[in-house]
Amino acid sequence: MKDICKWAKTEVEIKYHNEEWCRICHDEIKLFEMLILEGMQAGLTWKCILNKRENMREAFDNFDYKKIAKYDSKKIEELLNNKGIIRNRRKLEALIINANKFIEVQKEFGSFDKYIWSFTKGKRINNKLKPTDDLPARSELSDLISKDLIKRGFKFTGSIIIYSYLQGIGIVNDHSINCRFHNEK
């Protein structure tokens, strides 16, 4: 009987691991949501983000980037008073910036999906991690994508954040070889 990856310990982490982590994603809203959630995680735990995720969905109009792109300073102040979300002014301001940049990338490439998957020519990276291995924090790929996103004006998109993002949207499969989800698509 195969196990699951050792990092998934709490109920919310196990649910995320079993249902989403390293699963291939091509949905624009989901790609945006994961980009924002990974940026929100900076300095925090993923468990903290997962526990606040539903509140953030509600507060951020279900991660509708077209609506978020129109948020203003009044909306930022409203969000800063919402105890159910990550209340960091820089991260909330980045939310708006990233929504606008996301739309710019869509216009340039036809979709954000085409853009992000172009870095691997549409291919998934299947790592062969042993159960005792630590998860990588970054890679040459995440360095490259991070550099490009930052050049385009995105915020909270450093290499470590982007590596986690690549796992979250399934471009990188880091399920350990003993995990029952390692060979899933």
Protein backbone atom coordinates (compact mmCIF):
# COMPACT_ATOMS: atom_id res chain seq x y z
CA MET A 1 0.00 0.00 0.00
CA LYS A 2 1.43 3.33 -1.04
CA ASP A 3 1.51 6.24 1.34
CA ILE A 4 1.25 9.98 0.75
CA CYS A 5 3.93 12.67 0.85
CA LYS A 6 5.31 13.30 4.31
CA TRP A 7 4.63 17.07 4.30
CA ALA A 8 0.84 16.56 4.31
CA LYS A 9 0.05 16.14 8.00
CA THR A 10 -3.08 18.08 8.93
CA GLU A 11 -6.57 17.51 7.54
CA VAL A 12 -6.45 20.63 5.34
CA GLU A 13 -2.97 19.73 4.03
CA ILE A 14 -3.97 16.14 3.29
CA LYS A 15 -7.08 17.29 1.41
CA TYR A 16 -5.01 19.73 -0.67
CA HIS A 17 -2.33 17.08 -1.29
CA ASN A 18 -4.84 14.44 -2.32
CA GLU A 19 -7.06 16.63 -4.48
CA GLU A 20 -4.93 19.41 -5.99
CA TRP A 21 -1.18 19.39 -5.40
CA CYS A 22 0.86 18.55 -8.50
CA ARG A 23 -2.33 18.03 -10.55
CA ILE A 24 -2.12 19.51 -14.04
CA CYS A 25 -4.15 22.71 -14.29
CA HIS A 26 -5.08 24.69 -17.38
CA ASP A 27 -7.95 26.74 -15.90
CA GLU A 28 -7.24 30.50 -15.97
CA ILE A 29 -9.07 31.34 -12.74
CA LYS A 30 -7.33 28.50 -10.90
CA LEU A 31 -3.94 29.53 -12.33
CA PHE A 32 -4.53 33.05 -11.03
CA GLU A 33 -5.82 31.84 -7.66
CA MET A 34 -2.75 29.68 -7.11
CA LEU A 35 -0.42 32.52 -8.12
CA ILE A 36 -2.07 34.77 -5.54
CA LEU A 37 -2.16 32.12 -2.81
CA GLU A 38 1.52 31.30 -3.29
CA GLY A 39 2.39 34.99 -3.06
CA MET A 40 0.24 35.34 0.06
CA GLN A 41 2.22 32.50 1.63
CA ALA A 42 5.49 34.49 1.67
CA GLY A 43 6.66 34.41 5.29
CA LEU A 44 3.77 32.17 6.35
CA THR A 45 2.96 28.45 6.27
CA TRP A 46 0.96 26.80 3.53
CA LYS A 47 -1.36 25.46 6.24
CA CYS A 48 -2.16 29.06 7.23
CA ILE A 49 -3.02 29.89 3.60
CA LEU A 50 -5.18 26.79 3.19
CA ASN A 51 -7.06 27.65 6.39
CA LYS A 52 -7.83 31.14 5.06
CA ARG A 53 -8.43 30.13 1.45
CA GLU A 54 -12.23 30.13 1.52
CA ASN A 55 -12.26 33.53 3.21
CA MET A 56 -9.90 34.83 0.53
CA ARG A 57 -12.09 33.39 -2.22
CA GLU A 58 -15.03 35.28 -0.80
CA ALA A 59 -13.08 38.51 -0.20
CA PHE A 60 -11.38 38.40 -3.62
CA ASP A 61 -14.49 37.77 -5.73
CA ASN A 62 -13.60 34.09 -6.25
CA PHE A 63 -10.23 35.19 -7.66
CA ASP A 64 -11.91 36.83 -10.65
CA TYR A 65 -8.84 38.68 -11.93
CA LYS A 66 -10.96 40.99 -14.12
CA LYS A 67 -12.79 42.27 -11.04
CA ILE A 68 -9.63 42.36 -8.91
CA ALA A 69 -7.84 44.43 -11.58
CA LYS A 70 -10.39 47.19 -10.87
CA TYR A 71 -9.94 47.23 -7.09
CA ASP A 72 -8.98 50.62 -5.68
CA SER A 73 -7.55 52.04 -2.46
CA LYS A 74 -11.00 51.95 -0.82
CA LYS A 75 -11.18 48.21 -1.51
CA ILE A 76 -7.67 47.74 -0.06
CA GLU A 77 -8.81 49.46 3.15
CA GLU A 78 -11.88 47.20 3.27
CA LEU A 79 -9.68 44.13 2.83
CA LEU A 80 -7.27 45.30 5.54
CA ASN A 81 -10.21 45.15 7.97
CA ASN A 82 -11.15 41.58 7.01
CA LYS A 83 -9.82 39.33 9.79
CA GLY A 84 -10.45 36.20 7.75
CA ILE A 85 -7.73 36.89 5.16
CA ILE A 86 -4.02 37.72 5.03
CA ARG A 87 -4.00 41.42 5.92
CA ASN A 88 -0.72 42.59 4.53
CA ARG A 89 -0.95 45.87 2.59
CA ARG A 90 1.90 45.01 0.20
CA LYS A 91 0.38 41.62 -0.60
CA LEU A 92 -3.06 43.15 -1.13
CA GLU A 93 -1.64 45.84 -3.40
CA ALA A 94 0.23 43.08 -5.28
CA LEU A 95 -3.12 41.32 -5.76
CA ILE A 96 -4.31 44.20 -7.94
CA ILE A 97 -1.00 44.59 -9.76
CA ASN A 98 -0.82 40.86 -10.49
CA ALA A 99 -4.41 40.80 -11.77
CA ASN A 100 -3.55 43.52 -14.27
CA LYS A 101 -0.31 41.83 -15.29
CA PHE A 102 -2.12 38.50 -15.63
CA ILE A 103 -4.52 40.15 -18.11
CA GLU A 104 -1.59 41.66 -20.01
CA VAL A 105 0.02 38.21 -20.34
CA GLN A 106 -3.30 36.77 -21.54
CA LYS A 107 -3.50 39.44 -24.24
CA GLU A 108 0.08 38.78 -25.34
CA PHE A 109 -0.04 34.95 -25.35
CA GLY A 110 -3.74 34.20 -25.78
CA SER A 111 -3.95 32.83 -22.24
CA PHE A 112 -1.87 32.71 -19.09
CA ASP A 113 -1.95 28.93 -19.47
CA LYS A 114 -0.12 29.13 -22.81
CA TYR A 115 2.43 31.48 -21.27
CA ILE A 116 3.23 29.44 -18.15
CA TRP A 117 3.33 26.08 -19.93
CA SER A 118 5.53 27.51 -22.72
CA PHE A 119 8.50 27.38 -20.34
CA THR A 120 8.39 23.56 -20.49
CA LYS A 121 6.99 23.32 -24.03
CA GLY A 122 3.79 21.90 -22.51
CA LYS A 123 5.64 19.05 -20.80
CA ARG A 124 5.35 18.11 -17.16
CA ILE A 125 8.46 17.67 -15.01
CA ASN A 126 8.20 14.43 -13.05
CA ASN A 127 10.78 14.40 -10.28
CA LYS A 128 11.69 11.12 -8.61
CA LEU A 129 11.91 12.15 -4.97
CA LYS A 130 12.47 9.53 -2.31
CA PRO A 131 10.24 9.68 0.79
CA THR A 132 13.26 10.86 2.80
CA ASP A 133 14.13 13.69 0.38
CA ASP A 134 13.27 17.25 1.25
CA LEU A 135 11.17 19.05 -1.32
CA PRO A 136 13.20 21.36 -3.53
CA ALA A 137 12.67 25.06 -2.77
CA ARG A 138 13.59 26.35 -6.23
CA SER A 139 15.00 25.23 -9.57
CA GLU A 140 16.52 26.69 -12.72
CA LEU A 141 13.01 26.68 -14.17
CA SER A 142 11.53 28.63 -11.25
CA ASP A 143 14.48 31.06 -11.45
CA LEU A 144 13.75 31.63 -15.15
CA ILE A 145 9.99 32.08 -14.74
CA SER A 146 10.43 34.29 -11.68
CA LYS A 147 12.82 36.54 -13.56
CA ASP A 148 10.38 36.84 -16.46
CA LEU A 149 7.37 37.56 -14.22
CA ILE A 150 9.29 40.21 -12.30
CA LYS A 151 10.43 41.79 -15.57
CA ARG A 152 6.74 41.94 -16.56
CA GLY A 153 5.91 43.74 -13.30
CA PHE A 154 4.43 40.92 -11.21
CA LYS A 155 4.94 41.13 -7.43
CA PHE A 156 5.60 38.36 -4.88
CA THR A 157 6.89 36.07 -7.62
CA GLY A 158 10.37 35.17 -6.41
CA SER A 159 11.88 31.84 -7.38
CA ILE A 160 10.80 30.00 -4.20
CA ILE A 161 7.21 31.24 -4.58
CA ILE A 162 7.21 30.24 -8.24
CA TYR A 163 8.59 26.77 -7.51
CA SER A 164 5.68 26.18 -5.13
CA TYR A 165 3.36 27.58 -7.80
CA LEU A 166 4.70 25.12 -10.38
CA GLN A 167 3.95 22.28 -7.96
CA GLY A 168 0.50 23.71 -7.23
CA ILE A 169 -0.50 23.81 -10.90
CA GLY A 170 1.10 20.51 -11.85
CA ILE A 171 3.94 21.66 -14.09
CA VAL A 172 6.23 20.07 -11.52
CA ASN A 173 5.28 16.72 -9.99
CA ASP A 174 7.07 16.39 -6.66
CA HIS A 175 5.00 13.58 -5.19
CA SER A 176 7.55 11.22 -3.68
CA ILE A 177 7.98 7.88 -5.45
CA ASN A 178 6.23 6.07 -2.58
CA CYS A 179 3.20 8.38 -2.74
CA ARG A 180 0.10 6.83 -4.25
CA PHE A 181 -0.33 10.00 -6.35
CA HIS A 182 3.17 9.95 -7.88
CA ASN A 183 2.09 8.40 -11.17
CA GLU A 184 -1.23 10.24 -11.50
CA LYS A 185 -1.69 12.85 -14.20
